[in-house]
Amino acid sequence: MGENDPNSKHPIQKLMDNPWLLLVLGVAIPFVSYTIWGWIELWLLPAATLP
């Protein structure tokens, strides 16, 4: 499993060869980032004053 082994793949190449993992990451990363962004926006929102 050294550099001279023609059958060895780089770890990034193994990641890119797995379409299901890429699909899960493509859905999970935006979901998590937008959810955290929404929580931050709600936290920074000033309290509404009632009339």
C-alpha atoms as a PDB file:
ATOM      1  CA  MET A   1       0.000   0.000   0.000  1.00  0.00           C
ATOM      2  CA  GLY A   2       2.850   2.336  -0.766  1.00  0.00           C
ATOM      3  CA  GLU A   3       3.201   4.999  -3.385  1.00  0.00           C
ATOM      4  CA  ASN A   4       4.371   2.395  -5.914  1.00  0.00           C
ATOM      5  CA  ASP A   5       1.176   0.334  -5.623  1.00  0.00           C
ATOM      6  CA  PRO A   6      -0.876   0.996  -8.797  1.00  0.00           C
ATOM      7  CA  ASN A   7      -4.124  -0.158  -7.143  1.00  0.00           C
ATOM      8  CA  SER A   8      -4.026   2.273  -4.242  1.00  0.00           C
ATOM      9  CA  LYS A   9      -6.379   5.258  -4.396  1.00  0.00           C
ATOM     10  CA  HIS A  10      -6.034   8.591  -2.707  1.00  0.00           C
ATOM     11  CA  PRO A  11      -8.606   9.113   0.104  1.00  0.00           C
ATOM     12  CA  ILE A  12     -10.175  12.044  -1.768  1.00  0.00           C
ATOM     13  CA  GLN A  13     -10.561   9.822  -4.838  1.00  0.00           C
ATOM     14  CA  LYS A  14     -12.333   7.204  -2.718  1.00  0.00           C
ATOM     15  CA  LEU A  15     -14.698   9.934  -1.467  1.00  0.00           C
ATOM     16  CA  MET A  16     -15.425  11.200  -4.973  1.00  0.00           C
ATOM     17  CA  ASP A  17     -16.120   7.662  -6.215  1.00  0.00           C
ATOM     18  CA  ASN A  18     -18.994   7.208  -3.741  1.00  0.00           C
ATOM     19  CA  PRO A  19     -22.129   8.905  -5.185  1.00  0.00           C
ATOM     20  CA  TRP A  20     -24.310   8.119  -2.158  1.00  0.00           C
ATOM     21  CA  LEU A  21     -21.884   9.792   0.223  1.00  0.00           C
ATOM     22  CA  LEU A  22     -21.714  12.809  -2.076  1.00  0.00           C
ATOM     23  CA  LEU A  23     -25.523  12.950  -2.159  1.00  0.00           C
ATOM     24  CA  VAL A  24     -25.766  12.824   1.634  1.00  0.00           C
ATOM     25  CA  LEU A  25     -23.082  15.490   2.025  1.00  0.00           C
ATOM     26  CA  GLY A  26     -24.741  17.650  -0.637  1.00  0.00           C
ATOM     27  CA  VAL A  27     -28.005  17.604   1.304  1.00  0.00           C
ATOM     28  CA  ALA A  28     -26.669  17.644   4.866  1.00  0.00           C
ATOM     29  CA  ILE A  29     -24.138  20.483   4.578  1.00  0.00           C
ATOM     30  CA  PRO A  30     -26.623  23.082   3.220  1.00  0.00           C
ATOM     31  CA  PHE A  31     -29.294  21.883   5.669  1.00  0.00           C
ATOM     32  CA  VAL A  32     -27.010  22.307   8.676  1.00  0.00           C
ATOM     33  CA  SER A  33     -25.513  25.596   7.512  1.00  0.00           C
ATOM     34  CA  TYR A  34     -28.879  27.225   6.705  1.00  0.00           C
ATOM     35  CA  THR A  35     -30.393  25.940   9.949  1.00  0.00           C
ATOM     36  CA  ILE A  36     -27.563  27.451  11.989  1.00  0.00           C
ATOM     37  CA  TRP A  37     -27.822  30.670   9.974  1.00  0.00           C
ATOM     38  CA  GLY A  38     -31.564  30.817  10.738  1.00  0.00           C
ATOM     39  CA  TRP A  39     -30.976  30.290  14.458  1.00  0.00           C
ATOM     40  CA  ILE A  40     -28.409  33.088  14.480  1.00  0.00           C
ATOM     41  CA  GLU A  41     -30.816  35.411  12.652  1.00  0.00           C
ATOM     42  CA  LEU A  42     -33.584  34.615  15.148  1.00  0.00           C
ATOM     43  CA  TRP A  43     -31.214  35.156  18.060  1.00  0.00           C
ATOM     44  CA  LEU A  44     -30.119  38.570  16.724  1.00  0.00           C
ATOM     45  CA  LEU A  45     -33.668  39.696  15.945  1.00  0.00           C
ATOM     46  CA  PRO A  46     -34.797  42.464  18.308  1.00  0.00           C
ATOM     47  CA  ALA A  47     -37.887  41.872  20.413  1.00  0.00           C
ATOM     48  CA  ALA A  48     -41.062  43.185  18.799  1.00  0.00           C
ATOM     49  CA  THR A  49     -42.969  45.916  20.569  1.00  0.00           C
ATOM     50  CA  LEU A  50     -46.702  45.445  20.727  1.00  0.00           C
ATOM     51  CA  PRO A  51     -48.957  48.411  19.876  1.00  0.00           C
END
